[in-house]
């Protein structure tokens, strides 16, 4: 197992290109199961999660090959419908194969998903939507078993106690494109990655109205063709590197960034004292003066993204004053607090909120990553901490950030990957 060793105190400067969105690529790969032809996904990031989805598709008879700058997916065995626990437990996005398998192959047997330890993430809305389309669903031995001779369009509401469901919307949307008749999804997730999935489905021949809104209207078609598609850029990776520039007092230009997907993030950065200047292909991030405290509440898009909460908590730990970070998407997503405290951050959890009292400096320490975005927060803290920080369990960060140590080093950071000999 590897760890990252970070020597803090070096401002980041230079240019970095943001990769395409992991949270878009994974549902696109799953949705390829709907097609009758070859699918090519261009410029997919080389991440652990992408490799896991490729492995899963291979077990389902649709092997994934890398050709030039594309993931190429071909379908060789349409009789395979089981997504096994051994693969699905490693990544929550594996649940996205449920809807496509059901719609294209008539049945699916999918293990309950695993993934990051960030609190309960039920799939009841996925099952509610698929049942509304006519699927018979049973739960046996930790597997979801779904069958349907023919799915039929229906009207449904997919809002939940913490807002719309992103992967649930993806699953039901994928099933509905091959259902007979018209489906209306009210309370659909509006995240850019859901819109990207809808445009990908349209590129294969689906008919979808209302893309980007909470009301999707899907007119079912009899079949989908193959397609070649380039996913959107990764707004969470972009936000993470924006925070990296801010926390180190650097000057970083980010390319391949959609600022229209990051309006809530840019608003908070500017409130904290960070300058974000739009460029032709992205933005330039600088900081002038001390960081200021701010209150942040995570919400479904277009609100502040939960996937950037941990990173901003690390940033605010160095801001002047008291900040309150409230998590309304995954209220238990605060496992990074204890590790940041090891680095001298002053954060106290109160219900679904973290109360952050800014300190003058952080101190390097050995810390343990608990999930993907928490690991990013610990790396960000290490970049500015006095002394040396060892971030263990970096397989978490490899799930969502490609070669992060190399890319940070290119910006002037002191980060090396080492084998971790700790028990």
Protein backbone atom coordinates (compact mmCIF):
# COMPACT_ATOMS: atom_id res chain seq x y z
CA UNK A 1 0.00 0.00 0.00
CA UNK A 2 1.28 3.48 -0.87
CA UNK A 3 1.37 6.75 1.01
CA UNK A 4 2.02 10.36 0.00
CA UNK A 5 4.77 12.24 1.80
CA UNK A 6 4.27 16.01 1.61
CA UNK A 7 6.62 18.77 2.67
CA UNK A 8 4.46 21.81 3.22
CA UNK A 9 5.07 25.49 2.64
CA UNK A 10 5.52 25.83 -1.13
CA UNK A 11 3.05 28.03 -3.08
CA UNK A 12 1.68 26.39 -6.22
CA UNK A 13 2.34 28.20 -9.49
CA UNK A 14 1.90 27.32 -13.14
CA UNK A 15 -0.71 25.72 -15.37
CA UNK A 16 -2.66 22.49 -15.04
CA UNK A 17 -5.19 20.79 -17.30
CA UNK A 18 -8.24 19.38 -15.55
CA UNK A 19 -9.32 15.93 -16.66
CA UNK A 20 -12.74 14.81 -17.78
CA UNK A 21 -15.28 14.00 -15.11
CA UNK A 22 -15.06 10.67 -13.33
CA UNK A 23 -18.64 11.13 -12.13
CA UNK A 24 -19.71 11.44 -15.75
CA UNK A 25 -17.52 8.73 -17.28
CA UNK A 26 -18.71 5.99 -14.89
CA UNK A 27 -22.46 6.35 -15.72
CA UNK A 28 -21.58 6.68 -19.42
CA UNK A 29 -19.69 3.39 -19.28
CA UNK A 30 -22.65 1.73 -17.55
CA UNK A 31 -25.09 3.22 -20.08
CA UNK A 32 -23.07 1.73 -22.95
CA UNK A 33 -24.77 -1.56 -22.03
CA UNK A 34 -27.91 -0.15 -23.68
CA UNK A 35 -26.36 0.13 -27.13
CA UNK A 36 -26.41 -2.35 -30.00
CA UNK A 37 -23.10 -1.07 -31.34
CA UNK A 38 -19.63 -0.02 -30.32
CA UNK A 39 -19.23 2.86 -27.86
CA UNK A 40 -16.16 5.08 -27.71
CA UNK A 41 -15.63 7.39 -24.72
CA UNK A 42 -12.92 9.93 -25.46
CA UNK A 43 -10.27 11.15 -23.00
CA UNK A 44 -11.52 9.21 -20.00
CA UNK A 45 -9.30 9.73 -16.93
CA UNK A 46 -7.00 6.86 -15.93
CA UNK A 47 -8.42 6.28 -12.48
CA UNK A 48 -8.93 3.32 -10.19
CA UNK A 49 -12.73 3.75 -10.38
CA UNK A 50 -12.67 3.75 -14.19
CA UNK A 51 -10.66 0.54 -14.07
CA UNK A 52 -13.19 -0.98 -11.68
CA UNK A 53 -16.08 -0.11 -14.00
CA UNK A 54 -14.16 -1.58 -16.94
CA UNK A 55 -13.66 -4.77 -14.94
CA UNK A 56 -17.37 -4.88 -14.12
CA UNK A 57 -18.40 -4.42 -17.76
CA UNK A 58 -16.02 -7.22 -18.70
CA UNK A 59 -17.77 -9.59 -16.29
CA UNK A 60 -21.05 -8.58 -17.97
CA UNK A 61 -19.81 -9.64 -21.41
CA UNK A 62 -18.96 -6.13 -22.61
CA UNK A 63 -15.16 -5.85 -22.48
CA UNK A 64 -13.49 -2.43 -22.42
CA UNK A 65 -10.35 -1.77 -24.45
CA UNK A 66 -8.09 1.27 -24.58
CA UNK A 67 -7.45 2.45 -28.14
CA UNK A 68 -5.54 5.68 -28.64
CA UNK A 69 -7.30 8.19 -26.36
CA UNK A 70 -10.59 6.30 -26.12
CA UNK A 71 -12.27 3.62 -24.05
CA UNK A 72 -13.88 1.25 -26.56
CA UNK A 73 -16.76 -0.91 -25.35
CA UNK A 74 -18.07 -3.81 -27.40
CA UNK A 75 -20.78 -6.30 -26.48
CA UNK A 76 -19.89 -9.98 -26.81
CA UNK A 77 -22.26 -11.81 -24.44
CA UNK A 78 -25.71 -10.37 -23.74
CA UNK A 79 -26.66 -13.29 -21.47
CA UNK A 80 -24.50 -12.11 -18.58
CA UNK A 81 -26.55 -10.11 -16.09
CA UNK A 82 -24.83 -10.56 -12.71
CA UNK A 83 -22.73 -7.75 -11.23
CA UNK A 84 -20.84 -9.65 -8.50
CA UNK A 85 -20.16 -8.49 -4.97
CA UNK A 86 -16.39 -8.85 -5.41
CA UNK A 87 -16.40 -5.96 -7.91
CA UNK A 88 -19.43 -3.90 -6.89
CA UNK A 89 -18.33 -3.61 -3.25
CA UNK A 90 -15.34 -1.48 -4.34
CA UNK A 91 -17.34 1.34 -5.93
CA UNK A 92 -20.82 2.74 -5.41
CA UNK A 93 -21.18 3.83 -9.04
CA UNK A 94 -21.40 0.12 -9.94
CA UNK A 95 -25.11 0.37 -9.15
CA UNK A 96 -25.48 2.33 -12.41
CA UNK A 97 -25.48 -0.93 -14.40
CA UNK A 98 -28.84 -1.93 -12.88
CA UNK A 99 -31.08 0.17 -15.14
CA UNK A 100 -29.19 -0.54 -18.39
CA UNK A 101 -29.09 -4.31 -17.76
CA UNK A 102 -32.79 -4.41 -16.97
CA UNK A 103 -33.76 -2.37 -20.05
CA UNK A 104 -31.47 -4.06 -22.59
CA UNK A 105 -31.22 -7.64 -21.30
CA UNK A 106 -34.52 -7.98 -19.47
CA UNK A 107 -33.06 -8.89 -16.11
CA UNK A 108 -30.30 -7.94 -13.72
CA UNK A 109 -28.69 -9.34 -10.59
CA UNK A 110 -26.61 -6.63 -8.97
CA UNK A 111 -24.93 -6.70 -5.58
CA UNK A 112 -25.63 -3.89 -3.19
CA UNK A 113 -22.89 -1.29 -3.77
CA UNK A 114 -19.94 -0.31 -1.62
CA UNK A 115 -17.68 2.75 -1.96
CA UNK A 116 -16.56 5.53 0.35
CA UNK A 117 -17.55 5.52 4.02
CA UNK A 118 -19.48 8.81 4.05
CA UNK A 119 -22.71 7.68 5.68
CA UNK A 120 -25.87 5.90 4.53
CA UNK A 121 -26.73 6.15 0.83
CA UNK A 122 -29.89 4.10 0.26
CA UNK A 123 -31.04 3.02 -3.18
CA UNK A 124 -34.76 3.01 -2.46
CA UNK A 125 -35.42 5.74 -5.05
CA UNK A 126 -33.64 3.69 -7.73
CA UNK A 127 -35.96 0.76 -7.01
CA UNK A 128 -39.03 2.99 -6.75
CA UNK A 129 -38.41 4.37 -10.24
CA UNK A 130 -37.69 1.00 -11.82
CA UNK A 131 -40.78 -0.53 -10.25
CA UNK A 132 -42.84 2.35 -11.66
CA UNK A 133 -41.59 1.31 -15.11
CA UNK A 134 -42.91 -2.21 -14.50
CA UNK A 135 -39.88 -4.05 -13.16
CA UNK A 136 -40.33 -6.89 -10.68
CA UNK A 137 -37.65 -6.46 -8.01
CA UNK A 138 -36.62 -8.72 -5.16
CA UNK A 139 -33.77 -8.55 -2.63
CA UNK A 140 -32.02 -11.85 -2.00
CA UNK A 141 -28.71 -12.52 -0.27
CA UNK A 142 -27.41 -8.99 -0.65
CA UNK A 143 -28.34 -8.83 -4.36
CA UNK A 144 -30.96 -6.80 -6.19
CA UNK A 145 -32.77 -9.12 -8.61
CA UNK A 146 -34.80 -7.28 -11.25
CA UNK A 147 -36.85 -8.63 -14.17
CA UNK A 148 -39.06 -7.11 -16.84
CA UNK A 149 -40.49 -8.60 -20.00
CA UNK A 150 -41.19 -5.09 -21.27
CA UNK A 151 -40.73 -1.81 -19.43
CA UNK A 152 -43.48 0.77 -19.89
CA UNK A 153 -43.32 4.53 -19.50
CA UNK A 154 -44.65 6.10 -16.31
CA UNK A 155 -44.74 9.35 -14.38
CA UNK A 156 -42.80 9.48 -11.12
CA UNK A 157 -41.20 11.71 -8.50
CA UNK A 158 -37.63 10.92 -7.45
CA UNK A 159 -36.99 13.52 -4.75
CA UNK A 160 -35.75 12.25 -1.41
CA UNK A 161 -35.12 13.54 2.13
CA UNK A 162 -31.73 14.97 1.12
CA UNK A 163 -32.71 16.12 -2.35
CA UNK A 164 -32.66 14.44 -5.74
CA UNK A 165 -30.76 11.22 -6.33
CA UNK A 166 -27.98 11.47 -8.92
CA UNK A 167 -27.31 7.76 -9.49
CA UNK A 168 -31.03 7.01 -9.05
CA UNK A 169 -31.89 9.49 -11.80
CA UNK A 170 -29.20 7.90 -13.98
CA UNK A 171 -30.56 4.39 -13.44
CA UNK A 172 -34.18 5.29 -14.14
CA UNK A 173 -33.25 7.49 -17.10
CA UNK A 174 -31.29 4.63 -18.68
CA UNK A 175 -34.17 2.20 -18.18
CA UNK A 176 -36.75 4.65 -19.52
CA UNK A 177 -35.01 5.28 -22.87
CA UNK A 178 -35.89 1.72 -23.98
CA UNK A 179 -39.30 1.58 -22.27
CA UNK A 180 -42.50 1.57 -24.29
CA UNK A 181 -44.19 4.98 -24.25
CA UNK A 182 -43.32 8.19 -22.43
CA UNK A 183 -41.72 8.54 -19.01
CA UNK A 184 -41.78 11.74 -16.93
CA UNK A 185 -39.28 12.04 -14.08
CA UNK A 186 -40.11 14.86 -11.67
CA UNK A 187 -37.50 15.75 -9.09
CA UNK A 188 -34.70 14.58 -11.35
CA UNK A 189 -31.15 15.44 -10.33
CA UNK A 190 -29.81 18.48 -12.20
CA UNK A 191 -26.08 17.83 -11.75
CA UNK A 192 -24.02 18.47 -14.90
CA UNK A 193 -23.03 14.80 -14.96
CA UNK A 194 -26.70 13.79 -15.30
CA UNK A 195 -27.08 16.19 -18.21
CA UNK A 196 -23.96 14.71 -19.76
CA UNK A 197 -25.45 11.22 -19.47
CA UNK A 198 -28.67 12.41 -21.12
CA UNK A 199 -26.73 13.95 -24.03
CA UNK A 200 -24.76 10.72 -24.42
CA UNK A 201 -28.00 8.72 -24.56
CA UNK A 202 -29.33 11.14 -27.20
CA UNK A 203 -26.13 10.61 -29.20
CA UNK A 204 -27.05 6.91 -29.25
CA UNK A 205 -30.58 7.69 -30.42
CA UNK A 206 -32.60 8.35 -27.27
CA UNK A 207 -35.28 11.06 -27.16
CA UNK A 208 -35.07 13.18 -24.00
CA UNK A 209 -36.46 16.64 -23.25
CA UNK A 210 -35.75 18.84 -20.24
CA UNK A 211 -32.05 18.04 -19.98
CA UNK A 212 -30.52 20.02 -17.10
CA UNK A 213 -33.90 20.59 -15.41
CA UNK A 214 -35.72 18.70 -12.62
CA UNK A 215 -38.33 17.47 -15.13
CA UNK A 216 -37.14 14.94 -17.68
CA UNK A 217 -39.46 13.67 -20.42
CA UNK A 218 -38.27 10.51 -22.13
CA UNK A 219 -39.95 9.02 -25.20
CA UNK A 220 -38.92 5.39 -25.40
CA UNK A 221 -37.25 4.02 -28.52
CA UNK A 222 -36.83 0.43 -29.65
CA UNK A 223 -33.04 0.39 -29.82
CA UNK A 224 -29.91 2.49 -29.37
CA UNK A 225 -26.90 2.62 -31.66
CA UNK A 226 -23.26 2.98 -30.73
CA UNK A 227 -21.68 6.42 -30.36
CA UNK A 228 -18.45 8.33 -29.89
CA UNK A 229 -18.63 10.83 -27.04
CA UNK A 230 -16.38 13.21 -25.09
CA UNK A 231 -17.44 13.73 -21.44
CA UNK A 232 -17.51 17.07 -19.65
CA UNK A 233 -14.59 18.27 -17.55
CA UNK A 234 -14.39 17.34 -13.87
CA UNK A 235 -15.80 20.16 -11.75
CA UNK A 236 -14.75 18.44 -8.50
CA UNK A 237 -11.15 18.01 -9.61
CA UNK A 238 -11.19 21.64 -10.76
CA UNK A 239 -12.53 22.78 -7.39
CA UNK A 240 -9.88 20.77 -5.57
CA UNK A 241 -7.01 22.39 -7.49
CA UNK A 242 -8.62 25.81 -7.05
CA UNK A 243 -8.50 25.23 -3.29
CA UNK A 244 -4.89 24.00 -3.61
CA UNK A 245 -3.92 27.30 -5.22
CA UNK A 246 -5.84 29.24 -2.56
CA UNK A 247 -4.57 27.40 0.51
CA UNK A 248 -0.92 27.73 -0.55
CA UNK A 249 -1.24 31.38 -1.61
CA UNK A 250 -0.27 30.40 -5.14
CA UNK A 251 -1.02 31.46 -8.70
CA UNK A 252 -2.44 28.63 -10.81
CA UNK A 253 -4.13 28.69 -14.21
CA UNK A 254 -6.55 25.81 -14.76
CA UNK A 255 -7.44 24.67 -18.27
CA UNK A 256 -10.44 22.62 -19.42
CA UNK A 257 -12.70 24.07 -16.71
CA UNK A 258 -16.43 24.87 -16.97
CA UNK A 259 -16.94 27.79 -14.59
CA UNK A 260 -20.68 27.65 -15.31
CA UNK A 261 -20.63 24.32 -13.43
CA UNK A 262 -18.82 25.94 -10.47
CA UNK A 263 -20.78 29.11 -9.73
CA UNK A 264 -21.45 28.23 -6.07
CA UNK A 265 -17.81 27.26 -5.60
CA UNK A 266 -16.45 30.45 -7.17
CA UNK A 267 -18.84 32.52 -5.07
CA UNK A 268 -17.49 30.98 -1.85
CA UNK A 269 -13.86 31.27 -2.93
CA UNK A 270 -14.32 34.98 -3.60
CA UNK A 271 -16.07 35.41 -0.26
CA UNK A 272 -13.10 33.73 1.46
CA UNK A 273 -10.64 36.09 -0.24
CA UNK A 274 -9.59 34.16 -3.35
CA UNK A 275 -9.44 35.79 -6.80
CA UNK A 276 -10.88 33.72 -9.66
CA UNK A 277 -10.34 35.21 -13.11
CA UNK A 278 -12.01 33.69 -16.16
CA UNK A 279 -9.72 32.71 -19.03
CA UNK A 280 -10.47 31.42 -22.52
CA UNK A 281 -10.33 27.76 -21.47
CA UNK A 282 -10.78 27.94 -17.71
CA UNK A 283 -9.62 30.25 -14.94
CA UNK A 284 -6.69 31.70 -13.00
CA UNK A 285 -6.75 31.38 -9.21
CA UNK A 286 -4.73 33.65 -6.92
CA UNK A 287 -4.93 34.86 -3.35
CA UNK A 288 -4.23 38.32 -2.06
CA UNK A 289 -4.10 38.74 1.70
CA UNK A 290 -5.44 36.56 4.51
CA UNK A 291 -8.24 34.05 4.16
CA UNK A 292 -11.62 35.11 5.55
CA UNK A 293 -14.14 32.90 7.35
CA UNK A 294 -17.35 31.84 5.60
CA UNK A 295 -20.39 29.67 6.20
CA UNK A 296 -21.01 26.85 3.70
CA UNK A 297 -24.01 24.57 3.27
CA UNK A 298 -23.83 21.67 0.84
CA UNK A 299 -26.87 21.18 -1.37
CA UNK A 300 -27.77 19.37 -4.59
CA UNK A 301 -26.69 21.18 -7.77
CA UNK A 302 -26.63 24.10 -8.40
CA UNK A 303 -25.85 24.44 -4.69
CA UNK A 304 -22.45 23.93 -3.12
CA UNK A 305 -21.25 20.36 -3.91
CA UNK A 306 -20.85 17.84 -1.11
CA UNK A 307 -17.80 16.47 -2.93
CA UNK A 308 -15.92 19.71 -2.16
CA UNK A 309 -16.98 20.03 1.48
CA UNK A 310 -13.89 18.34 2.95
CA UNK A 311 -11.50 20.39 0.78
CA UNK A 312 -13.14 23.68 1.82
CA UNK A 313 -13.11 22.58 5.46
CA UNK A 314 -9.32 22.26 5.17
CA UNK A 315 -9.14 25.73 3.57
CA UNK A 316 -11.33 27.34 6.24
CA UNK A 317 -9.20 25.83 8.99
CA UNK A 318 -6.68 28.58 8.11
CA UNK A 319 -9.20 31.40 7.68
CA UNK A 320 -9.46 34.29 10.11
CA UNK A 321 -12.50 33.81 12.36
CA UNK A 322 -15.15 31.13 12.79
CA UNK A 323 -16.75 29.26 9.90
CA UNK A 324 -19.69 26.85 9.95
CA UNK A 325 -19.81 24.06 7.36
CA UNK A 326 -23.18 22.28 7.19
CA UNK A 327 -23.60 19.01 5.30
CA UNK A 328 -27.15 18.54 3.99
CA UNK A 329 -26.44 15.85 1.42
CA UNK A 330 -24.51 13.31 3.53
CA UNK A 331 -24.80 14.55 7.15
CA UNK A 332 -22.24 12.01 8.43
CA UNK A 333 -19.53 13.04 5.95
CA UNK A 334 -17.07 14.36 8.50
CA UNK A 335 -14.48 11.62 8.97
CA UNK A 336 -11.76 14.05 7.85
CA UNK A 337 -12.28 16.23 10.93
CA UNK A 338 -10.40 13.92 13.29
CA UNK A 339 -7.46 13.67 10.89
CA UNK A 340 -7.31 17.43 10.32
CA UNK A 341 -7.28 17.83 14.11
CA UNK A 342 -4.06 15.79 14.13
CA UNK A 343 -2.61 18.57 12.01
CA UNK A 344 -3.65 21.20 14.57
CA UNK A 345 -6.90 22.24 12.92
CA UNK A 346 -9.59 23.38 15.35
CA UNK A 347 -12.88 21.85 14.19
CA UNK A 348 -15.83 20.65 16.26
CA UNK A 349 -18.76 18.66 14.91
CA UNK A 350 -22.17 19.85 16.04
CA UNK A 351 -24.98 17.80 14.53
CA UNK A 352 -24.74 18.02 10.72
CA UNK A 353 -22.28 20.92 10.96
CA UNK A 354 -18.59 21.43 11.51
CA UNK A 355 -17.62 24.56 13.43
CA UNK A 356 -14.19 25.65 12.19
CA UNK A 357 -12.08 28.06 14.20
CA UNK A 358 -9.23 29.31 12.05
CA UNK A 359 -5.65 28.75 13.23
CA UNK A 360 -2.43 30.50 12.26
CA UNK A 361 -0.80 27.38 10.84
CA UNK A 362 -1.21 23.64 10.46
CA UNK A 363 1.41 21.14 11.53
CA UNK A 364 2.49 18.14 9.48
CA UNK A 365 1.48 14.75 10.89
CA UNK A 366 0.78 11.15 9.89
CA UNK A 367 -2.87 10.97 8.82
CA UNK A 368 -5.19 8.32 7.41
CA UNK A 369 -7.50 8.80 4.41
CA UNK A 370 -11.03 7.50 4.99
CA UNK A 371 -12.59 8.25 1.61
CA UNK A 372 -11.87 9.89 -1.72
CA UNK A 373 -12.63 13.54 -0.93
CA UNK A 374 -11.34 13.34 2.66
CA UNK A 375 -8.01 12.16 1.26
CA UNK A 376 -7.92 15.20 -1.04
CA UNK A 377 -8.53 17.46 1.97
CA UNK A 378 -5.62 15.91 3.85
CA UNK A 379 -3.32 16.42 0.87
CA UNK A 380 -4.39 20.08 0.65
CA UNK A 381 -3.71 20.54 4.34
CA UNK A 382 -0.30 18.89 3.92
CA UNK A 383 0.63 21.33 1.15
CA UNK A 384 0.51 24.25 3.57
CA UNK A 385 1.35 22.56 6.90
CA UNK A 386 4.65 23.23 8.64
CA UNK A 387 6.86 20.14 8.37
CA UNK A 388 6.09 16.79 6.81
CA UNK A 389 2.71 15.09 6.36
CA UNK A 390 2.27 11.40 5.59
CA UNK A 391 -1.12 10.61 4.00
CA UNK A 392 -1.83 6.88 4.24
CA UNK A 393 -4.37 4.76 2.32
CA UNK A 394 -3.92 6.84 -0.82
CA UNK A 395 -5.74 4.21 -2.87
CA UNK A 396 -8.75 6.35 -1.97
CA UNK A 397 -7.33 9.38 -3.77
CA UNK A 398 -6.30 7.24 -6.76
CA UNK A 399 -10.00 6.53 -7.29
CA UNK A 400 -10.65 10.13 -8.31
CA UNK A 401 -7.40 12.01 -9.00
CA UNK A 402 -5.01 10.90 -11.73
CA UNK A 403 -1.29 11.01 -10.77
CA UNK A 404 -1.98 13.69 -8.18
CA UNK A 405 1.55 13.71 -6.79
CA UNK A 406 3.06 14.29 -10.26
CA UNK A 407 0.63 17.07 -11.09
CA UNK A 408 1.16 18.86 -7.79
CA UNK A 409 4.93 18.52 -8.14
CA UNK A 410 4.72 20.13 -11.59
CA UNK A 411 3.14 23.14 -9.84
CA UNK A 412 5.97 23.41 -7.33
CA UNK A 413 4.74 21.22 -4.46
CA UNK A 414 7.00 18.75 -2.64
CA UNK A 415 5.06 15.50 -2.85
CA UNK A 416 6.39 11.96 -3.30
CA UNK A 417 4.70 8.58 -3.35
CA UNK A 418 6.30 5.92 -1.19
CA UNK A 419 5.50 2.39 -0.17
CA UNK A 420 3.89 2.45 3.23
CA UNK A 421 5.54 -0.02 5.56
CA UNK A 422 3.24 0.80 8.49
CA UNK A 423 1.10 -2.12 9.69
